[in-house]
């Protein structure tokens, strides 16, 4: 299952699937960048409500979107992190970079 996307105004919500690995990360990167540019997105929300696992390529794609948003004055946040995903965010340093908007 690939990611699902929802746009409201200038906010893009990305629903991350159960596992975020290098196969899904490539398409997520391309689609998120295209949507961000096409719809002048100022905020990206990564929704982890369905996610149990993420590898380093998933961390990289999230970090890349964070850098792009920061460069353009936008923001990135994460929502619905389960305990495992919270640990991955802590260990990778993502926790310090972005807001967590719910559990």
PDB file of N, CA and C in Angstrom:
ATOM      1  N   UNK A   1       0.844  -1.182   0.000  1.00  0.00           N
ATOM      2  CA  UNK A   1       0.000   0.000   0.000  1.00  0.00           C
ATOM      3  C   UNK A   1       0.887   1.242   0.000  1.00  0.00           C
ATOM      4  N   UNK A   2       0.585   2.165  -0.879  1.00  0.00           N
ATOM      5  CA  UNK A   2       1.346   3.406  -0.952  1.00  0.00           C
ATOM      6  C   UNK A   2       0.713   4.464  -0.068  1.00  0.00           C
ATOM      7  N   UNK A   3       1.339   5.603  -0.035  1.00  0.00           N
ATOM      8  CA  UNK A   3       0.869   6.709   0.787  1.00  0.00           C
ATOM      9  C   UNK A   3      -0.409   7.302   0.201  1.00  0.00           C
ATOM     10  N   UNK A   4      -1.198   7.884   1.076  1.00  0.00           N
ATOM     11  CA  UNK A   4      -2.366   8.654   0.658  1.00  0.00           C
ATOM     12  C   UNK A   4      -2.088  10.101   1.000  1.00  0.00           C
ATOM     13  N   UNK A   5      -2.652  11.008   0.196  1.00  0.00           N
ATOM     14  CA  UNK A   5      -2.389  12.438   0.349  1.00  0.00           C
ATOM     15  C   UNK A   5      -3.708  13.188   0.453  1.00  0.00           C
ATOM     16  N   UNK A   6      -3.713  14.217   1.283  1.00  0.00           N
ATOM     17  CA  UNK A   6      -4.892  15.055   1.458  1.00  0.00           C
ATOM     18  C   UNK A   6      -4.423  16.505   1.490  1.00  0.00           C
ATOM     19  N   UNK A   7      -5.039  17.339   0.679  1.00  0.00           N
ATOM     20  CA  UNK A   7      -4.681  18.756   0.638  1.00  0.00           C
ATOM     21  C   UNK A   7      -5.875  19.570   1.114  1.00  0.00           C
ATOM     22  N   UNK A   8      -5.609  20.447   2.086  1.00  0.00           N
ATOM     23  CA  UNK A   8      -6.608  21.402   2.560  1.00  0.00           C
ATOM     24  C   UNK A   8      -5.925  22.757   2.611  1.00  0.00           C
ATOM     25  N   UNK A   9      -6.344  23.656   1.747  1.00  0.00           N
ATOM     26  CA  UNK A   9      -5.699  24.962   1.683  1.00  0.00           C
ATOM     27  C   UNK A   9      -4.252  24.792   1.266  1.00  0.00           C
ATOM     28  N   UNK A  10      -3.358  25.290   2.094  1.00  0.00           N
ATOM     29  CA  UNK A  10      -1.931  25.151   1.785  1.00  0.00           C
ATOM     30  C   UNK A  10      -1.244  24.105   2.677  1.00  0.00           C
ATOM     31  N   UNK A  11      -2.035  23.135   3.172  1.00  0.00           N
ATOM     32  CA  UNK A  11      -1.518  22.065   4.022  1.00  0.00           C
ATOM     33  C   UNK A  11      -1.647  20.727   3.311  1.00  0.00           C
ATOM     34  N   UNK A  12      -0.562  19.977   3.316  1.00  0.00           N
ATOM     35  CA  UNK A  12      -0.531  18.635   2.750  1.00  0.00           C
ATOM     36  C   UNK A  12      -0.393  17.637   3.886  1.00  0.00           C
ATOM     37  N   UNK A  13      -1.358  16.727   3.995  1.00  0.00           N
ATOM     38  CA  UNK A  13      -1.283  15.634   4.981  1.00  0.00           C
ATOM     39  C   UNK A  13      -0.933  14.368   4.211  1.00  0.00           C
ATOM     40  N   UNK A  14       0.123  13.708   4.689  1.00  0.00           N
ATOM     41  CA  UNK A  14       0.582  12.473   4.064  1.00  0.00           C
ATOM     42  C   UNK A  14       0.341  11.332   5.039  1.00  0.00           C
ATOM     43  N   UNK A  15      -0.508  10.389   4.648  1.00  0.00           N
ATOM     44  CA  UNK A  15      -0.796   9.218   5.465  1.00  0.00           C
ATOM     45  C   UNK A  15       0.223   8.140   5.105  1.00  0.00           C
ATOM     46  N   UNK A  16       1.119   7.859   6.037  1.00  0.00           N
ATOM     47  CA  UNK A  16       2.191   6.901   5.824  1.00  0.00           C
ATOM     48  C   UNK A  16       1.628   5.485   5.994  1.00  0.00           C
ATOM     49  N   UNK A  17       1.992   4.552   5.091  1.00  0.00           N
ATOM     50  CA  UNK A  17       1.470   3.181   5.213  1.00  0.00           C
ATOM     51  C   UNK A  17       2.106   2.426   6.385  1.00  0.00           C
ATOM     52  N   UNK A  18       1.733   1.179   6.534  1.00  0.00           N
ATOM     53  CA  UNK A  18       2.192   0.349   7.656  1.00  0.00           C
ATOM     54  C   UNK A  18       3.713   0.302   7.754  1.00  0.00           C
ATOM     55  N   UNK A  19       4.397   0.165   6.624  1.00  0.00           N
ATOM     56  CA  UNK A  19       5.857   0.143   6.608  1.00  0.00           C
ATOM     57  C   UNK A  19       6.364   1.162   5.596  1.00  0.00           C
ATOM     58  N   UNK A  20       7.328   1.957   6.019  1.00  0.00           N
ATOM     59  CA  UNK A  20       7.936   2.953   5.134  1.00  0.00           C
ATOM     60  C   UNK A  20       9.369   2.514   4.843  1.00  0.00           C
ATOM     61  N   UNK A  21       9.555   1.886   3.674  1.00  0.00           N
ATOM     62  CA  UNK A  21      10.882   1.404   3.279  1.00  0.00           C
ATOM     63  C   UNK A  21      11.336   2.143   2.029  1.00  0.00           C
ATOM     64  N   UNK A  22      12.465   1.712   1.456  1.00  0.00           N
ATOM     65  CA  UNK A  22      13.032   2.446   0.318  1.00  0.00           C
ATOM     66  C   UNK A  22      12.135   2.421  -0.915  1.00  0.00           C
ATOM     67  N   UNK A  23      11.328   1.391  -1.107  1.00  0.00           N
ATOM     68  CA  UNK A  23      10.427   1.338  -2.257  1.00  0.00           C
ATOM     69  C   UNK A  23       9.364   2.431  -2.157  1.00  0.00           C
ATOM     70  N   UNK A  24       8.777   2.561  -1.008  1.00  0.00           N
ATOM     71  CA  UNK A  24       7.727   3.564  -0.804  1.00  0.00           C
ATOM     72  C   UNK A  24       8.337   4.957  -0.685  1.00  0.00           C
ATOM     73  N   UNK A  25       9.512   5.057  -0.082  1.00  0.00           N
ATOM     74  CA  UNK A  25      10.164   6.360   0.101  1.00  0.00           C
ATOM     75  C   UNK A  25      10.408   7.070  -1.217  1.00  0.00           C
ATOM     76  N   UNK A  26      10.804   6.337  -2.245  1.00  0.00           N
ATOM     77  CA  UNK A  26      11.053   6.953  -3.545  1.00  0.00           C
ATOM     78  C   UNK A  26       9.798   7.604  -4.117  1.00  0.00           C
ATOM     79  N   UNK A  27       8.681   6.878  -4.092  1.00  0.00           N
ATOM     80  CA  UNK A  27       7.445   7.451  -4.631  1.00  0.00           C
ATOM     81  C   UNK A  27       6.915   8.565  -3.733  1.00  0.00           C
ATOM     82  N   UNK A  28       7.061   8.422  -2.419  1.00  0.00           N
ATOM     83  CA  UNK A  28       6.626   9.470  -1.491  1.00  0.00           C
ATOM     84  C   UNK A  28       7.388  10.764  -1.777  1.00  0.00           C
ATOM     85  N   UNK A  29       8.684  10.674  -1.945  1.00  0.00           N
ATOM     86  CA  UNK A  29       9.524  11.842  -2.222  1.00  0.00           C
ATOM     87  C   UNK A  29       9.046  12.559  -3.490  1.00  0.00           C
ATOM     88  N   UNK A  30       8.871  11.808  -4.553  1.00  0.00           N
ATOM     89  CA  UNK A  30       8.456  12.391  -5.830  1.00  0.00           C
ATOM     90  C   UNK A  30       7.068  13.017  -5.737  1.00  0.00           C
ATOM     91  N   UNK A  31       6.115  12.291  -5.182  1.00  0.00           N
ATOM     92  CA  UNK A  31       4.735  12.774  -5.107  1.00  0.00           C
ATOM     93  C   UNK A  31       4.611  13.973  -4.173  1.00  0.00           C
ATOM     94  N   UNK A  32       5.273  13.911  -3.021  1.00  0.00           N
ATOM     95  CA  UNK A  32       5.199  15.025  -2.062  1.00  0.00           C
ATOM     96  C   UNK A  32       5.802  16.290  -2.661  1.00  0.00           C
ATOM     97  N   UNK A  33       6.932  16.159  -3.342  1.00  0.00           N
ATOM     98  CA  UNK A  33       7.559  17.329  -3.955  1.00  0.00           C
ATOM     99  C   UNK A  33       6.682  17.915  -5.058  1.00  0.00           C
ATOM    100  N   UNK A  34       6.091  17.057  -5.863  1.00  0.00           N
ATOM    101  CA  UNK A  34       5.205  17.525  -6.931  1.00  0.00           C
ATOM    102  C   UNK A  34       3.986  18.252  -6.353  1.00  0.00           C
ATOM    103  N   UNK A  35       3.352  17.654  -5.352  1.00  0.00           N
ATOM    104  CA  UNK A  35       2.181  18.286  -4.731  1.00  0.00           C
ATOM    105  C   UNK A  35       2.557  19.595  -4.045  1.00  0.00           C
ATOM    106  N   UNK A  36       3.704  19.617  -3.381  1.00  0.00           N
ATOM    107  CA  UNK A  36       4.151  20.818  -2.677  1.00  0.00           C
ATOM    108  C   UNK A  36       4.341  21.978  -3.640  1.00  0.00           C
ATOM    109  N   UNK A  37       4.947  21.704  -4.775  1.00  0.00           N
ATOM    110  CA  UNK A  37       5.182  22.752  -5.768  1.00  0.00           C
ATOM    111  C   UNK A  37       3.899  23.147  -6.493  1.00  0.00           C
ATOM    112  N   UNK A  38       3.075  22.174  -6.833  1.00  0.00           N
ATOM    113  CA  UNK A  38       1.862  22.435  -7.597  1.00  0.00           C
ATOM    114  C   UNK A  38       0.835  23.238  -6.794  1.00  0.00           C
ATOM    115  N   UNK A  39       0.680  22.920  -5.517  1.00  0.00           N
ATOM    116  CA  UNK A  39      -0.362  23.540  -4.693  1.00  0.00           C
ATOM    117  C   UNK A  39       0.192  24.560  -3.692  1.00  0.00           C
ATOM    118  N   UNK A  40       1.445  24.970  -3.856  1.00  0.00           N
ATOM    119  CA  UNK A  40       2.064  25.981  -2.992  1.00  0.00           C
ATOM    120  C   UNK A  40       1.889  25.645  -1.509  1.00  0.00           C
ATOM    121  N   UNK A  41       2.236  24.433  -1.163  1.00  0.00           N
ATOM    122  CA  UNK A  41       2.085  23.916   0.196  1.00  0.00           C
ATOM    123  C   UNK A  41       3.030  24.648   1.141  1.00  0.00           C
ATOM    124  N   UNK A  42       2.511  25.040   2.313  1.00  0.00           N
ATOM    125  CA  UNK A  42       3.296  25.715   3.342  1.00  0.00           C
ATOM    126  C   UNK A  42       3.473  24.863   4.591  1.00  0.00           C
ATOM    127  N   UNK A  43       2.689  23.782   4.684  1.00  0.00           N
ATOM    128  CA  UNK A  43       2.791  22.903   5.845  1.00  0.00           C
ATOM    129  C   UNK A  43       2.578  21.462   5.396  1.00  0.00           C
ATOM    130  N   UNK A  44       3.468  20.591   5.855  1.00  0.00           N
ATOM    131  CA  UNK A  44       3.317  19.158   5.612  1.00  0.00           C
ATOM    132  C   UNK A  44       3.100  18.480   6.960  1.00  0.00           C
ATOM    133  N   UNK A  45       2.073  17.638   7.018  1.00  0.00           N
ATOM    134  CA  UNK A  45       1.794  16.835   8.206  1.00  0.00           C
ATOM    135  C   UNK A  45       1.963  15.370   7.813  1.00  0.00           C
ATOM    136  N   UNK A  46       2.902  14.704   8.459  1.00  0.00           N
ATOM    137  CA  UNK A  46       3.079  13.269   8.261  1.00  0.00           C
ATOM    138  C   UNK A  46       2.218  12.555   9.292  1.00  0.00           C
ATOM    139  N   UNK A  47       1.250  11.772   8.825  1.00  0.00           N
ATOM    140  CA  UNK A  47       0.331  11.054   9.700  1.00  0.00           C
ATOM    141  C   UNK A  47       0.774   9.592   9.802  1.00  0.00           C
ATOM    142  N   UNK A  48       1.221   9.202  10.993  1.00  0.00           N
ATOM    143  CA  UNK A  48       1.756   7.866  11.233  1.00  0.00           C
ATOM    144  C   UNK A  48       0.741   6.948  11.909  1.00  0.00           C
ATOM    145  N   UNK A  49      -0.547   7.233  11.798  1.00  0.00           N
ATOM    146  CA  UNK A  49      -1.554   6.432  12.490  1.00  0.00           C
ATOM    147  C   UNK A  49      -1.581   4.978  12.028  1.00  0.00           C
ATOM    148  N   UNK A  50      -1.112   4.692  10.817  1.00  0.00           N
ATOM    149  CA  UNK A  50      -1.115   3.328  10.277  1.00  0.00           C
ATOM    150  C   UNK A  50       0.265   2.670  10.319  1.00  0.00           C
ATOM    151  N   UNK A  51       1.281   3.378  10.775  1.00  0.00           N
ATOM    152  CA  UNK A  51       2.670   2.965  10.580  1.00  0.00           C
ATOM    153  C   UNK A  51       3.237   2.225  11.785  1.00  0.00           C
ATOM    154  N   UNK A  52       3.895   1.100  11.501  1.00  0.00           N
ATOM    155  CA  UNK A  52       4.555   0.308  12.535  1.00  0.00           C
ATOM    156  C   UNK A  52       6.069   0.306  12.399  1.00  0.00           C
ATOM    157  N   UNK A  53       6.583   0.637  11.201  1.00  0.00           N
ATOM    158  CA  UNK A  53       8.014   0.489  10.973  1.00  0.00           C
ATOM    159  C   UNK A  53       8.482   1.455   9.890  1.00  0.00           C
ATOM    160  N   UNK A  54       9.723   1.936  10.043  1.00  0.00           N
ATOM    161  CA  UNK A  54      10.316   2.839   9.064  1.00  0.00           C
ATOM    162  C   UNK A  54      11.818   2.593   9.050  1.00  0.00           C
ATOM    163  N   UNK A  55      12.406   2.519   7.853  1.00  0.00           N
ATOM    164  CA  UNK A  55      13.853   2.336   7.763  1.00  0.00           C
ATOM    165  C   UNK A  55      14.539   3.678   7.509  1.00  0.00           C
ATOM    166  N   UNK A  56      15.851   3.645   7.281  1.00  0.00           N
ATOM    167  CA  UNK A  56      16.616   4.887   7.130  1.00  0.00           C
ATOM    168  C   UNK A  56      16.196   5.692   5.903  1.00  0.00           C
ATOM    169  N   UNK A  57      15.703   5.038   4.865  1.00  0.00           N
ATOM    170  CA  UNK A  57      15.244   5.792   3.692  1.00  0.00           C
ATOM    171  C   UNK A  57      13.986   6.594   4.032  1.00  0.00           C
ATOM    172  N   UNK A  58      13.153   6.063   4.905  1.00  0.00           N
ATOM    173  CA  UNK A  58      11.978   6.806   5.368  1.00  0.00           C
ATOM    174  C   UNK A  58      12.386   8.026   6.188  1.00  0.00           C
ATOM    175  N   UNK A  59      13.374   7.839   7.049  1.00  0.00           N
ATOM    176  CA  UNK A  59      13.897   8.968   7.825  1.00  0.00           C
ATOM    177  C   UNK A  59      14.446  10.022   6.874  1.00  0.00           C
ATOM    178  N   UNK A  60      15.162   9.569   5.847  1.00  0.00           N
ATOM    179  CA  UNK A  60      15.734  10.489   4.872  1.00  0.00           C
ATOM    180  C   UNK A  60      14.702  11.280   4.101  1.00  0.00           C
ATOM    181  N   UNK A  61      13.623  10.638   3.706  1.00  0.00           N
ATOM    182  CA  UNK A  61      12.596  11.352   2.944  1.00  0.00           C
ATOM    183  C   UNK A  61      11.895  12.382   3.832  1.00  0.00           C
ATOM    184  N   UNK A  62      11.681  12.067   5.083  1.00  0.00           N
ATOM    185  CA  UNK A  62      11.064  13.027   6.004  1.00  0.00           C
ATOM    186  C   UNK A  62      12.018  14.188   6.258  1.00  0.00           C
ATOM    187  N   UNK A  63      13.271  13.889   6.477  1.00  0.00           N
ATOM    188  CA  UNK A  63      14.271  14.936   6.692  1.00  0.00           C
ATOM    189  C   UNK A  63      14.393  15.842   5.460  1.00  0.00           C
ATOM    190  N   UNK A  64      14.350  15.259   4.288  1.00  0.00           N
ATOM    191  CA  UNK A  64      14.407  16.048   3.057  1.00  0.00           C
ATOM    192  C   UNK A  64      13.233  16.991   2.899  1.00  0.00           C
ATOM    193  N   UNK A  65      12.024  16.522   3.221  1.00  0.00           N
ATOM    194  CA  UNK A  65      10.841  17.402   3.129  1.00  0.00           C
ATOM    195  C   UNK A  65      10.947  18.495   4.184  1.00  0.00           C
ATOM    196  N   UNK A  66      11.474  18.159   5.362  1.00  0.00           N
ATOM    197  CA  UNK A  66      11.680  19.164   6.412  1.00  0.00           C
ATOM    198  C   UNK A  66      12.606  20.267   5.904  1.00  0.00           C
ATOM    199  N   UNK A  67      13.720  19.889   5.297  1.00  0.00           N
ATOM    200  CA  UNK A  67      14.678  20.882   4.799  1.00  0.00           C
ATOM    201  C   UNK A  67      14.072  21.759   3.716  1.00  0.00           C
ATOM    202  N   UNK A  68      13.304  21.154   2.807  1.00  0.00           N
ATOM    203  CA  UNK A  68      12.658  21.934   1.742  1.00  0.00           C
ATOM    204  C   UNK A  68      11.648  22.921   2.324  1.00  0.00           C
ATOM    205  N   UNK A  69      10.857  22.476   3.285  1.00  0.00           N
ATOM    206  CA  UNK A  69       9.864  23.360   3.884  1.00  0.00           C
ATOM    207  C   UNK A  69      10.544  24.473   4.671  1.00  0.00           C
ATOM    208  N   UNK A  70      11.579  24.145   5.410  1.00  0.00           N
ATOM    209  CA  UNK A  70      12.286  25.154   6.192  1.00  0.00           C
ATOM    210  C   UNK A  70      12.886  26.208   5.272  1.00  0.00           C
ATOM    211  N   UNK A  71      13.476  25.779   4.164  1.00  0.00           N
ATOM    212  CA  UNK A  71      14.086  26.694   3.199  1.00  0.00           C
ATOM    213  C   UNK A  71      13.057  27.661   2.616  1.00  0.00           C
ATOM    214  N   UNK A  72      11.828  27.174   2.403  1.00  0.00           N
ATOM    215  CA  UNK A  72      10.791  28.011   1.800  1.00  0.00           C
ATOM    216  C   UNK A  72       9.907  28.711   2.839  1.00  0.00           C
ATOM    217  N   UNK A  73      10.242  28.558   4.130  1.00  0.00           N
ATOM    218  CA  UNK A  73       9.466  29.213   5.177  1.00  0.00           C
ATOM    219  C   UNK A  73       8.276  28.421   5.670  1.00  0.00           C
ATOM    220  N   UNK A  74       8.162  27.171   5.245  1.00  0.00           N
ATOM    221  CA  UNK A  74       7.056  26.325   5.674  1.00  0.00           C
ATOM    222  C   UNK A  74       7.410  25.514   6.911  1.00  0.00           C
ATOM    223  N   UNK A  75       6.493  24.640   7.314  1.00  0.00           N
ATOM    224  CA  UNK A  75       6.695  23.810   8.500  1.00  0.00           C
ATOM    225  C   UNK A  75       6.351  22.352   8.196  1.00  0.00           C
ATOM    226  N   UNK A  76       6.871  21.472   9.035  1.00  0.00           N
ATOM    227  CA  UNK A  76       6.590  20.040   8.948  1.00  0.00           C
ATOM    228  C   UNK A  76       6.295  19.536  10.352  1.00  0.00           C
ATOM    229  N   UNK A  77       5.280  18.692  10.462  1.00  0.00           N
ATOM    230  CA  UNK A  77       4.976  18.093  11.755  1.00  0.00           C
ATOM    231  C   UNK A  77       4.607  16.626  11.563  1.00  0.00           C
ATOM    232  N   UNK A  78       4.591  15.898  12.663  1.00  0.00           N
ATOM    233  CA  UNK A  78       4.224  14.486  12.666  1.00  0.00           C
ATOM    234  C   UNK A  78       3.089  14.282  13.658  1.00  0.00           C
ATOM    235  N   UNK A  79       2.143  13.430  13.287  1.00  0.00           N
ATOM    236  CA  UNK A  79       1.014  13.127  14.169  1.00  0.00           C
ATOM    237  C   UNK A  79       0.847  11.625  14.301  1.00  0.00           C
ATOM    238  N   UNK A  80       0.245  11.238  15.413  1.00  0.00           N
ATOM    239  CA  UNK A  80      -0.130   9.852  15.700  1.00  0.00           C
ATOM    240  C   UNK A  80       1.057   8.897  15.692  1.00  0.00           C
ATOM    241  N   UNK A  81       2.120   9.287  16.382  1.00  0.00           N
ATOM    242  CA  UNK A  81       3.284   8.413  16.509  1.00  0.00           C
ATOM    243  C   UNK A  81       3.048   7.396  17.618  1.00  0.00           C
ATOM    244  N   UNK A  82       3.102   6.107  17.265  1.00  0.00           N
ATOM    245  CA  UNK A  82       3.014   5.099  18.317  1.00  0.00           C
ATOM    246  C   UNK A  82       4.365   5.039  19.039  1.00  0.00           C
ATOM    247  N   UNK A  83       4.476   4.187  20.029  1.00  0.00           N
ATOM    248  CA  UNK A  83       5.705   4.135  20.833  1.00  0.00           C
ATOM    249  C   UNK A  83       6.933   3.787  19.989  1.00  0.00           C
ATOM    250  N   UNK A  84       6.783   2.848  19.095  1.00  0.00           N
ATOM    251  CA  UNK A  84       7.911   2.458  18.231  1.00  0.00           C
ATOM    252  C   UNK A  84       8.349   3.627  17.353  1.00  0.00           C
ATOM    253  N   UNK A  85       7.384   4.330  16.772  1.00  0.00           N
ATOM    254  CA  UNK A  85       7.727   5.461  15.902  1.00  0.00           C
ATOM    255  C   UNK A  85       8.325   6.612  16.713  1.00  0.00           C
ATOM    256  N   UNK A  86       7.844   6.807  17.936  1.00  0.00           N
ATOM    257  CA  UNK A  86       8.448   7.831  18.802  1.00  0.00           C
ATOM    258  C   UNK A  86       9.914   7.514  19.061  1.00  0.00           C
ATOM    259  N   UNK A  87      10.227   6.243  19.290  1.00  0.00           N
ATOM    260  CA  UNK A  87      11.615   5.835  19.516  1.00  0.00           C
ATOM    261  C   UNK A  87      12.474   6.072  18.272  1.00  0.00           C
ATOM    262  N   UNK A  88      11.937   5.756  17.103  1.00  0.00           N
ATOM    263  CA  UNK A  88      12.670   6.003  15.859  1.00  0.00           C
ATOM    264  C   UNK A  88      12.924   7.494  15.693  1.00  0.00           C
ATOM    265  N   UNK A  89      11.935   8.324  15.995  1.00  0.00           N
ATOM    266  CA  UNK A  89      12.102   9.777  15.899  1.00  0.00           C
ATOM    267  C   UNK A  89      13.169  10.269  16.872  1.00  0.00           C
ATOM    268  N   UNK A  90      13.181   9.727  18.077  1.00  0.00           N
ATOM    269  CA  UNK A  90      14.190  10.127  19.069  1.00  0.00           C
ATOM    270  C   UNK A  90      15.583   9.722  18.612  1.00  0.00           C
ATOM    271  N   UNK A  91      15.747   8.470  18.232  1.00  0.00           N
ATOM    272  CA  UNK A  91      17.068   7.957  17.855  1.00  0.00           C
ATOM    273  C   UNK A  91      17.618   8.631  16.602  1.00  0.00           C
ATOM    274  N   UNK A  92      16.745   9.012  15.681  1.00  0.00           N
ATOM    275  CA  UNK A  92      17.196   9.606  14.420  1.00  0.00           C
ATOM    276  C   UNK A  92      17.414  11.113  14.514  1.00  0.00           C
ATOM    277  N   UNK A  93      16.907  11.737  15.573  1.00  0.00           N
ATOM    278  CA  UNK A  93      17.017  13.184  15.708  1.00  0.00           C
ATOM    279  C   UNK A  93      15.856  13.942  15.103  1.00  0.00           C
ATOM    280  N   UNK A  94      14.909  13.245  14.479  1.00  0.00           N
ATOM    281  CA  UNK A  94      13.750  13.923  13.896  1.00  0.00           C
ATOM    282  C   UNK A  94      12.895  14.608  14.960  1.00  0.00           C
ATOM    283  N   UNK A  95      12.867  14.030  16.132  1.00  0.00           N
ATOM    284  CA  UNK A  95      12.058  14.573  17.224  1.00  0.00           C
ATOM    285  C   UNK A  95      12.434  16.025  17.527  1.00  0.00           C
ATOM    286  N   UNK A  96      13.719  16.333  17.471  1.00  0.00           N
ATOM    287  CA  UNK A  96      14.186  17.680  17.779  1.00  0.00           C
ATOM    288  C   UNK A  96      13.881  18.681  16.676  1.00  0.00           C
ATOM    289  N   UNK A  97      13.613  18.189  15.473  1.00  0.00           N
ATOM    290  CA  UNK A  97      13.403  19.082  14.329  1.00  0.00           C
ATOM    291  C   UNK A  97      11.963  19.502  14.107  1.00  0.00           C
ATOM    292  N   UNK A  98      11.034  18.650  14.457  1.00  0.00           N
ATOM    293  CA  UNK A  98       9.644  18.958  14.121  1.00  0.00           C
ATOM    294  C   UNK A  98       8.704  18.735  15.288  1.00  0.00           C
ATOM    295  N   UNK A  99       7.554  19.366  15.165  1.00  0.00           N
ATOM    296  CA  UNK A  99       6.523  19.265  16.191  1.00  0.00           C
ATOM    297  C   UNK A  99       5.846  17.909  16.102  1.00  0.00           C
ATOM    298  N   UNK A 100       5.418  17.415  17.236  1.00  0.00           N
ATOM    299  CA  UNK A 100       4.537  16.256  17.252  1.00  0.00           C
ATOM    300  C   UNK A 100       3.185  16.757  17.711  1.00  0.00           C
ATOM    301  N   UNK A 101       2.171  16.589  16.871  1.00  0.00           N
ATOM    302  CA  UNK A 101       0.854  17.174  17.122  1.00  0.00           C
ATOM    303  C   UNK A 101      -0.176  16.187  17.633  1.00  0.00           C
ATOM    304  N   UNK A 102       0.168  15.183  18.303  1.00  0.00           N
ATOM    305  CA  UNK A 102      -0.846  14.245  18.797  1.00  0.00           C
ATOM    306  C   UNK A 102      -0.255  12.870  18.927  1.00  0.00           C
ATOM    307  N   UNK A 103      -0.908  12.088  19.708  1.00  0.00           N
ATOM    308  CA  UNK A 103      -0.400  10.732  19.935  1.00  0.00           C
ATOM    309  C   UNK A 103      -1.479   9.735  19.745  1.00  0.00           C
TER     310      UNK A 103
END
